[in-house]
Amino acid sequence: MKRHFTLITLITVTSLSACVTTKPPEPEPEIVVEQVVVEPTEVRTCTPKDVLTRLVIPAEYKTGVAITAIEIPPDYVTDPETGEVREIINPPIESRVPYKKLIKAEQILYVDAKNRVITDLCEDEGEGDGSVIPDSPEAAG
């Protein structure tokens, strides 16, 4: 019985010592954040055509004449009085057709004052506004 009493005492002591009350956690303070709205500005990433020099490289053509000739075999005619066979040589049929073949198309380039070719051109009015992008908020502030 002494053993039972000792065992019950040990169980009670260990179970009571394991129960520790703690304070409830304090709520975290609310952080108030003010939102700042920055209106984006338009930044041109292209070069207007009116400040550049237009350079036209003409198209390259190859011209020539195509000649087609058809040989015609000679005609043989027998003279009824003499019985002699004569050969009549017909001239070949020829056709001459002039042609013009495009080798390289015309190019239109835009160069700046330093004679550098500019490829990022602004679109003309009415073509669209694809060349304007809004500025980033970091760059504005």
C-alpha atoms as a PDB file:
ATOM      1  CA  MET A   1       0.000   0.000   0.000  1.00  0.00           C
ATOM      2  CA  LYS A   2       2.886   2.189   0.662  1.00  0.00           C
ATOM      3  CA  ARG A   3       3.917   1.628  -2.897  1.00  0.00           C
ATOM      4  CA  HIS A   4       0.533   2.725  -4.195  1.00  0.00           C
ATOM      5  CA  PHE A   5       0.610   5.841  -2.115  1.00  0.00           C
ATOM      6  CA  THR A   6       4.106   6.724  -3.334  1.00  0.00           C
ATOM      7  CA  LEU A   7       3.130   6.057  -6.919  1.00  0.00           C
ATOM      8  CA  ILE A   8      -0.011   8.213  -6.711  1.00  0.00           C
ATOM      9  CA  THR A   9       1.964  10.983  -5.069  1.00  0.00           C
ATOM     10  CA  LEU A  10       4.571  10.944  -7.812  1.00  0.00           C
ATOM     11  CA  ILE A  11       1.956  10.994 -10.547  1.00  0.00           C
ATOM     12  CA  THR A  12       0.109  13.862  -8.914  1.00  0.00           C
ATOM     13  CA  VAL A  13       3.247  15.919  -8.402  1.00  0.00           C
ATOM     14  CA  THR A  14       4.435  15.420 -11.965  1.00  0.00           C
ATOM     15  CA  SER A  15       1.049  16.172 -13.470  1.00  0.00           C
ATOM     16  CA  LEU A  16       0.645  19.349 -11.409  1.00  0.00           C
ATOM     17  CA  SER A  17       4.153  20.552 -12.140  1.00  0.00           C
ATOM     18  CA  ALA A  18       3.551  20.166 -15.882  1.00  0.00           C
ATOM     19  CA  CYS A  19       0.617  22.598 -15.810  1.00  0.00           C
ATOM     20  CA  VAL A  20       2.020  26.072 -15.991  1.00  0.00           C
ATOM     21  CA  THR A  21      -0.189  28.986 -16.786  1.00  0.00           C
ATOM     22  CA  THR A  22       1.096  31.589 -19.244  1.00  0.00           C
ATOM     23  CA  LYS A  23      -0.095  35.060 -20.127  1.00  0.00           C
ATOM     24  CA  PRO A  24      -2.070  35.333 -23.322  1.00  0.00           C
ATOM     25  CA  PRO A  25      -0.012  36.857 -26.152  1.00  0.00           C
ATOM     26  CA  GLU A  26      -0.312  40.586 -26.543  1.00  0.00           C
ATOM     27  CA  PRO A  27      -1.823  41.649 -29.845  1.00  0.00           C
ATOM     28  CA  GLU A  28       0.662  43.148 -32.277  1.00  0.00           C
ATOM     29  CA  PRO A  29       0.263  46.863 -32.831  1.00  0.00           C
ATOM     30  CA  GLU A  30      -1.372  47.785 -36.132  1.00  0.00           C
ATOM     31  CA  ILE A  31       0.885  49.416 -38.676  1.00  0.00           C
ATOM     32  CA  VAL A  32      -0.784  52.162 -40.660  1.00  0.00           C
ATOM     33  CA  VAL A  33       0.609  52.520 -44.167  1.00  0.00           C
ATOM     34  CA  GLU A  34      -0.322  55.507 -46.262  1.00  0.00           C
ATOM     35  CA  GLN A  35      -0.599  54.770 -49.945  1.00  0.00           C
ATOM     36  CA  VAL A  36       1.096  57.241 -52.220  1.00  0.00           C
ATOM     37  CA  VAL A  37      -0.182  57.322 -55.775  1.00  0.00           C
ATOM     38  CA  VAL A  38       2.313  58.540 -58.354  1.00  0.00           C
ATOM     39  CA  GLU A  39       0.826  59.385 -61.724  1.00  0.00           C
ATOM     40  CA  PRO A  40       3.029  57.906 -64.463  1.00  0.00           C
ATOM     41  CA  THR A  41       4.466  60.280 -67.007  1.00  0.00           C
ATOM     42  CA  GLU A  42       4.961  59.420 -70.639  1.00  0.00           C
ATOM     43  CA  VAL A  43       8.536  58.879 -71.744  1.00  0.00           C
ATOM     44  CA  ARG A  44       9.399  58.569 -75.415  1.00  0.00           C
ATOM     45  CA  THR A  45      11.686  55.650 -76.147  1.00  0.00           C
ATOM     46  CA  CYS A  46      11.868  56.445 -79.831  1.00  0.00           C
ATOM     47  CA  THR A  47      13.277  59.145 -82.071  1.00  0.00           C
ATOM     48  CA  PRO A  48      10.864  61.365 -84.044  1.00  0.00           C
ATOM     49  CA  LYS A  49      11.335  61.193 -87.809  1.00  0.00           C
ATOM     50  CA  ASP A  50      11.382  64.974 -88.228  1.00  0.00           C
ATOM     51  CA  VAL A  51      14.738  65.349 -86.381  1.00  0.00           C
ATOM     52  CA  LEU A  52      16.405  62.687 -88.569  1.00  0.00           C
ATOM     53  CA  THR A  53      17.673  62.742 -92.131  1.00  0.00           C
ATOM     54  CA  ARG A  54      15.886  60.417 -94.544  1.00  0.00           C
ATOM     55  CA  LEU A  55      18.287  58.431 -96.712  1.00  0.00           C
ATOM     56  CA  VAL A  56      16.928  56.497 -99.703  1.00  0.00           C
ATOM     57  CA  ILE A  57      19.023  53.707-101.179  1.00  0.00           C
ATOM     58  CA  PRO A  58      17.590  53.014-104.644  1.00  0.00           C
ATOM     59  CA  ALA A  59      16.588  49.558-105.786  1.00  0.00           C
ATOM     60  CA  GLU A  60      18.996  47.522-107.901  1.00  0.00           C
ATOM     61  CA  TYR A  61      17.745  46.018-111.141  1.00  0.00           C
ATOM     62  CA  LYS A  62      19.249  43.753-113.748  1.00  0.00           C
ATOM     63  CA  THR A  63      18.088  44.594-117.257  1.00  0.00           C
ATOM     64  CA  GLY A  64      18.571  42.686-120.441  1.00  0.00           C
ATOM     65  CA  VAL A  65      16.968  41.270-123.535  1.00  0.00           C
ATOM     66  CA  ALA A  66      15.676  37.716-123.751  1.00  0.00           C
ATOM     67  CA  ILE A  67      16.158  36.329-127.251  1.00  0.00           C
ATOM     68  CA  THR A  68      14.199  33.316-128.408  1.00  0.00           C
ATOM     69  CA  ALA A  69      15.063  31.812-131.779  1.00  0.00           C
ATOM     70  CA  ILE A  70      13.304  28.969-133.600  1.00  0.00           C
ATOM     71  CA  GLU A  71      15.186  27.337-136.460  1.00  0.00           C
ATOM     72  CA  ILE A  72      13.044  26.531-139.490  1.00  0.00           C
ATOM     73  CA  PRO A  73      14.188  23.665-141.732  1.00  0.00           C
ATOM     74  CA  PRO A  74      14.898  24.585-145.357  1.00  0.00           C
ATOM     75  CA  ASP A  75      12.294  24.088-148.044  1.00  0.00           C
ATOM     76  CA  TYR A  76      13.142  22.046-151.178  1.00  0.00           C
ATOM     77  CA  VAL A  77      11.515  23.009-154.445  1.00  0.00           C
ATOM     78  CA  THR A  78      11.830  21.080-157.693  1.00  0.00           C
ATOM     79  CA  ASP A  79      11.896  23.155-160.866  1.00  0.00           C
ATOM     80  CA  PRO A  80       9.380  21.519-163.287  1.00  0.00           C
ATOM     81  CA  GLU A  81      11.233  22.598-166.443  1.00  0.00           C
ATOM     82  CA  THR A  82      14.733  21.543-165.475  1.00  0.00           C
ATOM     83  CA  GLY A  83      13.958  19.000-162.774  1.00  0.00           C
ATOM     84  CA  GLU A  84      16.546  20.649-160.573  1.00  0.00           C
ATOM     85  CA  VAL A  85      15.973  20.661-156.819  1.00  0.00           C
ATOM     86  CA  ARG A  86      16.586  23.980-155.199  1.00  0.00           C
ATOM     87  CA  GLU A  87      16.971  24.610-151.470  1.00  0.00           C
ATOM     88  CA  ILE A  88      15.214  27.621-150.013  1.00  0.00           C
ATOM     89  CA  ILE A  89      16.718  28.644-146.700  1.00  0.00           C
ATOM     90  CA  ASN A  90      14.222  30.232-144.347  1.00  0.00           C
ATOM     91  CA  PRO A  91      15.489  32.709-141.762  1.00  0.00           C
ATOM     92  CA  PRO A  92      14.943  31.661-138.096  1.00  0.00           C
ATOM     93  CA  ILE A  93      12.037  33.159-136.210  1.00  0.00           C
ATOM     94  CA  GLU A  94      13.372  35.398-133.451  1.00  0.00           C
ATOM     95  CA  SER A  95      11.682  37.262-130.670  1.00  0.00           C
ATOM     96  CA  ARG A  96      13.418  39.841-128.512  1.00  0.00           C
ATOM     97  CA  VAL A  97      11.785  40.692-125.185  1.00  0.00           C
ATOM     98  CA  PRO A  98      13.385  43.225-122.839  1.00  0.00           C
ATOM     99  CA  TYR A  99      13.247  42.383-119.125  1.00  0.00           C
ATOM    100  CA  LYS A 100      13.955  44.116-115.838  1.00  0.00           C
ATOM    101  CA  LYS A 101      14.616  41.926-112.767  1.00  0.00           C
ATOM    102  CA  LEU A 102      14.663  43.290-109.200  1.00  0.00           C
ATOM    103  CA  ILE A 103      17.913  42.325-107.459  1.00  0.00           C
ATOM    104  CA  LYS A 104      17.690  44.396-104.259  1.00  0.00           C
ATOM    105  CA  ALA A 105      14.638  46.344-103.060  1.00  0.00           C
ATOM    106  CA  GLU A 106      14.707  50.044-102.243  1.00  0.00           C
ATOM    107  CA  GLN A 107      15.713  50.829 -98.649  1.00  0.00           C
ATOM    108  CA  ILE A 108      14.712  53.861 -96.602  1.00  0.00           C
ATOM    109  CA  LEU A 109      17.037  54.610 -93.691  1.00  0.00           C
ATOM    110  CA  TYR A 110      16.975  57.379 -91.120  1.00  0.00           C
ATOM    111  CA  VAL A 111      20.283  58.742 -89.836  1.00  0.00           C
ATOM    112  CA  ASP A 112      21.058  61.214 -87.057  1.00  0.00           C
ATOM    113  CA  ALA A 113      23.551  64.091 -87.056  1.00  0.00           C
ATOM    114  CA  LYS A 114      26.454  61.656 -86.436  1.00  0.00           C
ATOM    115  CA  ASN A 115      25.433  59.519 -89.467  1.00  0.00           C
ATOM    116  CA  ARG A 116      24.311  56.615 -87.269  1.00  0.00           C
ATOM    117  CA  VAL A 117      21.376  54.587 -88.578  1.00  0.00           C
ATOM    118  CA  ILE A 118      18.381  54.915 -86.226  1.00  0.00           C
ATOM    119  CA  THR A 119      15.959  51.972 -86.162  1.00  0.00           C
ATOM    120  CA  ASP A 120      13.741  52.979 -83.202  1.00  0.00           C
ATOM    121  CA  LEU A 121      11.465  55.480 -84.931  1.00  0.00           C
ATOM    122  CA  CYS A 122       8.313  57.035 -83.522  1.00  0.00           C
ATOM    123  CA  GLU A 123       5.118  56.184 -85.344  1.00  0.00           C
ATOM    124  CA  ASP A 124       3.331  58.966 -87.174  1.00  0.00           C
ATOM    125  CA  GLU A 125       0.129  60.394 -85.743  1.00  0.00           C
ATOM    126  CA  GLY A 126      -2.785  58.049 -86.319  1.00  0.00           C
ATOM    127  CA  GLU A 127      -0.617  54.934 -86.670  1.00  0.00           C
ATOM    128  CA  GLY A 128      -0.835  54.090 -82.967  1.00  0.00           C
ATOM    129  CA  ASP A 129       0.871  54.909 -79.700  1.00  0.00           C
ATOM    130  CA  GLY A 130       3.050  51.806 -79.371  1.00  0.00           C
ATOM    131  CA  SER A 131       6.201  53.901 -78.979  1.00  0.00           C
ATOM    132  CA  VAL A 132       5.191  55.549 -75.688  1.00  0.00           C
ATOM    133  CA  ILE A 133       5.537  53.664 -72.400  1.00  0.00           C
ATOM    134  CA  PRO A 134       4.697  54.911 -68.905  1.00  0.00           C
ATOM    135  CA  ASP A 135       7.562  55.898 -66.633  1.00  0.00           C
ATOM    136  CA  SER A 136       8.318  53.647 -63.665  1.00  0.00           C
ATOM    137  CA  PRO A 137       7.406  54.997 -60.180  1.00  0.00           C
ATOM    138  CA  GLU A 138      11.042  54.651 -59.031  1.00  0.00           C
ATOM    139  CA  ALA A 139      12.275  56.978 -61.742  1.00  0.00           C
ATOM    140  CA  ALA A 140       9.606  59.585 -61.007  1.00  0.00           C
ATOM    141  CA  GLY A 141      10.410  59.897 -57.303  1.00  0.00           C
END
